[in-house]
């Protein structure tokens, strides 16, 4: 029982914002985090490609105009580690917290490019 209670306290301390059909809230979060943060998106059905972790500035997240949070709900956080913990606790995507990393913004080449800047 103690483990469960402490787990709930830990989860409530994680500052993750969820955007499910909330374009205004999502845009507000993006504006408040112009250069940092992490976003994970997922589908409403089981898909082996999701959930997918992105850095805040990933062009893939914004490749399509229009509604970004209806077909692909999103969660955002300042910390990649805390966002992964939130995914695991909530079993988003039914993969036990496992997530794929976007090849554009979190893959090997993006890390090389970030070091060169």
C-alpha atoms as a PDB file:
ATOM      1  CA  UNK A   1       0.000   0.000   0.000  1.00  0.00           C
ATOM      2  CA  UNK A   2       2.824   2.412   0.782  1.00  0.00           C
ATOM      3  CA  UNK A   3       4.364   1.943  -2.641  1.00  0.00           C
ATOM      4  CA  UNK A   4       1.111   2.735  -4.352  1.00  0.00           C
ATOM      5  CA  UNK A   5       0.582   5.896  -2.283  1.00  0.00           C
ATOM      6  CA  UNK A   6       4.124   7.179  -2.920  1.00  0.00           C
ATOM      7  CA  UNK A   7       3.700   6.393  -6.599  1.00  0.00           C
ATOM      8  CA  UNK A   8       0.568   8.534  -6.718  1.00  0.00           C
ATOM      9  CA  UNK A   9       2.346  11.382  -4.966  1.00  0.00           C
ATOM     10  CA  UNK A  10       5.247  11.159  -7.419  1.00  0.00           C
ATOM     11  CA  UNK A  11       2.921  11.154 -10.417  1.00  0.00           C
ATOM     12  CA  UNK A  12       1.029  14.174  -9.098  1.00  0.00           C
ATOM     13  CA  UNK A  13       4.341  16.043  -8.807  1.00  0.00           C
ATOM     14  CA  UNK A  14       5.219  15.483 -12.468  1.00  0.00           C
ATOM     15  CA  UNK A  15       4.322  18.594 -14.430  1.00  0.00           C
ATOM     16  CA  UNK A  16       2.966  17.067 -17.632  1.00  0.00           C
ATOM     17  CA  UNK A  17       0.377  18.900 -19.667  1.00  0.00           C
ATOM     18  CA  UNK A  18      -2.002  16.853 -21.810  1.00  0.00           C
ATOM     19  CA  UNK A  19      -3.535  18.173 -25.015  1.00  0.00           C
ATOM     20  CA  UNK A  20      -6.379  16.051 -26.376  1.00  0.00           C
ATOM     21  CA  UNK A  21      -8.449  18.127 -28.765  1.00  0.00           C
ATOM     22  CA  UNK A  22      -7.028  21.294 -27.173  1.00  0.00           C
ATOM     23  CA  UNK A  23      -5.347  23.333 -29.893  1.00  0.00           C
ATOM     24  CA  UNK A  24      -5.416  26.555 -27.894  1.00  0.00           C
ATOM     25  CA  UNK A  25      -3.747  24.970 -24.880  1.00  0.00           C
ATOM     26  CA  UNK A  26      -1.166  23.243 -27.079  1.00  0.00           C
ATOM     27  CA  UNK A  27      -0.291  26.504 -28.873  1.00  0.00           C
ATOM     28  CA  UNK A  28      -0.063  28.268 -25.515  1.00  0.00           C
ATOM     29  CA  UNK A  29       2.396  25.627 -24.248  1.00  0.00           C
ATOM     30  CA  UNK A  30       4.476  25.938 -27.435  1.00  0.00           C
ATOM     31  CA  UNK A  31       4.607  29.728 -27.070  1.00  0.00           C
ATOM     32  CA  UNK A  32       5.690  29.407 -23.438  1.00  0.00           C
ATOM     33  CA  UNK A  33       8.464  26.952 -24.397  1.00  0.00           C
ATOM     34  CA  UNK A  34      10.036  28.382 -27.566  1.00  0.00           C
ATOM     35  CA  UNK A  35      13.385  26.590 -27.243  1.00  0.00           C
ATOM     36  CA  UNK A  36      12.986  23.711 -24.820  1.00  0.00           C
ATOM     37  CA  UNK A  37      10.718  20.891 -23.740  1.00  0.00           C
ATOM     38  CA  UNK A  38       9.571  17.525 -24.966  1.00  0.00           C
ATOM     39  CA  UNK A  39       6.354  16.384 -26.566  1.00  0.00           C
ATOM     40  CA  UNK A  40       5.050  12.870 -26.972  1.00  0.00           C
ATOM     41  CA  UNK A  41       2.156  12.058 -29.251  1.00  0.00           C
ATOM     42  CA  UNK A  42       0.155   8.878 -29.703  1.00  0.00           C
ATOM     43  CA  UNK A  43      -2.804   7.491 -31.605  1.00  0.00           C
ATOM     44  CA  UNK A  44      -6.132   6.373 -30.236  1.00  0.00           C
ATOM     45  CA  UNK A  45      -5.538   2.822 -31.470  1.00  0.00           C
ATOM     46  CA  UNK A  46      -2.530   0.584 -30.930  1.00  0.00           C
ATOM     47  CA  UNK A  47       0.145   1.467 -33.430  1.00  0.00           C
ATOM     48  CA  UNK A  48       3.710   0.118 -33.315  1.00  0.00           C
ATOM     49  CA  UNK A  49       5.091   3.561 -34.213  1.00  0.00           C
ATOM     50  CA  UNK A  50       3.543   5.309 -31.211  1.00  0.00           C
ATOM     51  CA  UNK A  51       3.910   6.839 -28.719  1.00  0.00           C
ATOM     52  CA  UNK A  52       6.601   8.996 -30.336  1.00  0.00           C
ATOM     53  CA  UNK A  53       8.885  11.364 -28.399  1.00  0.00           C
ATOM     54  CA  UNK A  54       9.867  14.701 -29.966  1.00  0.00           C
ATOM     55  CA  UNK A  55      11.864  17.757 -28.989  1.00  0.00           C
ATOM     56  CA  UNK A  56       9.864  20.966 -28.822  1.00  0.00           C
ATOM     57  CA  UNK A  57      11.125  22.351 -32.144  1.00  0.00           C
ATOM     58  CA  UNK A  58      10.618  19.210 -34.233  1.00  0.00           C
ATOM     59  CA  UNK A  59       9.382  20.088 -37.738  1.00  0.00           C
ATOM     60  CA  UNK A  60       7.503  16.771 -37.986  1.00  0.00           C
ATOM     61  CA  UNK A  61       5.107  17.868 -35.229  1.00  0.00           C
ATOM     62  CA  UNK A  62       4.104  20.904 -37.241  1.00  0.00           C
ATOM     63  CA  UNK A  63       4.332  19.554 -40.788  1.00  0.00           C
ATOM     64  CA  UNK A  64       0.559  19.670 -41.234  1.00  0.00           C
ATOM     65  CA  UNK A  65      -1.638  22.687 -40.727  1.00  0.00           C
ATOM     66  CA  UNK A  66      -4.811  22.493 -38.760  1.00  0.00           C
ATOM     67  CA  UNK A  67      -5.739  20.440 -35.768  1.00  0.00           C
ATOM     68  CA  UNK A  68      -2.698  18.816 -34.166  1.00  0.00           C
ATOM     69  CA  UNK A  69      -4.250  17.370 -31.019  1.00  0.00           C
ATOM     70  CA  UNK A  70      -7.412  15.565 -32.143  1.00  0.00           C
ATOM     71  CA  UNK A  71      -5.977  12.682 -34.148  1.00  0.00           C
ATOM     72  CA  UNK A  72      -2.723  12.646 -32.195  1.00  0.00           C
ATOM     73  CA  UNK A  73      -3.188  13.606 -28.548  1.00  0.00           C
ATOM     74  CA  UNK A  74      -0.046  15.028 -26.991  1.00  0.00           C
ATOM     75  CA  UNK A  75       1.623  15.389 -23.622  1.00  0.00           C
ATOM     76  CA  UNK A  76       4.345  17.935 -22.973  1.00  0.00           C
ATOM     77  CA  UNK A  77       6.911  18.443 -20.240  1.00  0.00           C
ATOM     78  CA  UNK A  78      10.158  20.321 -19.643  1.00  0.00           C
ATOM     79  CA  UNK A  79      11.945  17.062 -18.779  1.00  0.00           C
ATOM     80  CA  UNK A  80      12.353  14.073 -21.075  1.00  0.00           C
ATOM     81  CA  UNK A  81      12.882  11.743 -18.090  1.00  0.00           C
ATOM     82  CA  UNK A  82       9.728  12.910 -16.305  1.00  0.00           C
ATOM     83  CA  UNK A  83       7.690  12.614 -19.487  1.00  0.00           C
ATOM     84  CA  UNK A  84       8.922   9.039 -19.943  1.00  0.00           C
ATOM     85  CA  UNK A  85       8.011   8.265 -16.333  1.00  0.00           C
ATOM     86  CA  UNK A  86       4.527   9.712 -16.902  1.00  0.00           C
ATOM     87  CA  UNK A  87       4.146   7.526 -20.013  1.00  0.00           C
ATOM     88  CA  UNK A  88       5.124   4.437 -18.058  1.00  0.00           C
ATOM     89  CA  UNK A  89       2.817   5.118 -15.112  1.00  0.00           C
ATOM     90  CA  UNK A  90      -0.127   5.812 -17.422  1.00  0.00           C
ATOM     91  CA  UNK A  91       0.753   3.063 -19.962  1.00  0.00           C
ATOM     92  CA  UNK A  92       0.063   5.411 -22.868  1.00  0.00           C
ATOM     93  CA  UNK A  93      -0.190   3.476 -26.115  1.00  0.00           C
ATOM     94  CA  UNK A  94      -0.362   0.134 -24.297  1.00  0.00           C
ATOM     95  CA  UNK A  95       3.381  -0.423 -24.568  1.00  0.00           C
ATOM     96  CA  UNK A  96       4.260  -0.290 -20.877  1.00  0.00           C
ATOM     97  CA  UNK A  97       5.763   3.157 -21.157  1.00  0.00           C
ATOM     98  CA  UNK A  98       8.028   2.308 -24.089  1.00  0.00           C
ATOM     99  CA  UNK A  99       8.265   5.080 -26.605  1.00  0.00           C
ATOM    100  CA  UNK A 100       9.972   5.568 -29.935  1.00  0.00           C
ATOM    101  CA  UNK A 101      12.218   8.553 -30.502  1.00  0.00           C
ATOM    102  CA  UNK A 102      11.640  10.702 -33.547  1.00  0.00           C
ATOM    103  CA  UNK A 103      14.426  10.182 -36.055  1.00  0.00           C
ATOM    104  CA  UNK A 104      14.295  13.843 -37.094  1.00  0.00           C
ATOM    105  CA  UNK A 105      14.673  15.585 -33.764  1.00  0.00           C
ATOM    106  CA  UNK A 106      15.966  12.943 -31.344  1.00  0.00           C
ATOM    107  CA  UNK A 107      17.887  10.534 -33.538  1.00  0.00           C
ATOM    108  CA  UNK A 108      21.655  10.207 -33.891  1.00  0.00           C
ATOM    109  CA  UNK A 109      21.934  12.863 -36.602  1.00  0.00           C
ATOM    110  CA  UNK A 110      19.995  15.441 -34.602  1.00  0.00           C
ATOM    111  CA  UNK A 111      22.349  14.933 -31.635  1.00  0.00           C
ATOM    112  CA  UNK A 112      25.382  15.399 -33.892  1.00  0.00           C
ATOM    113  CA  UNK A 113      23.881  18.576 -35.353  1.00  0.00           C
ATOM    114  CA  UNK A 114      23.128  19.954 -31.894  1.00  0.00           C
ATOM    115  CA  UNK A 115      26.751  19.439 -30.819  1.00  0.00           C
ATOM    116  CA  UNK A 116      28.004  21.274 -33.908  1.00  0.00           C
ATOM    117  CA  UNK A 117      25.952  24.415 -33.141  1.00  0.00           C
END
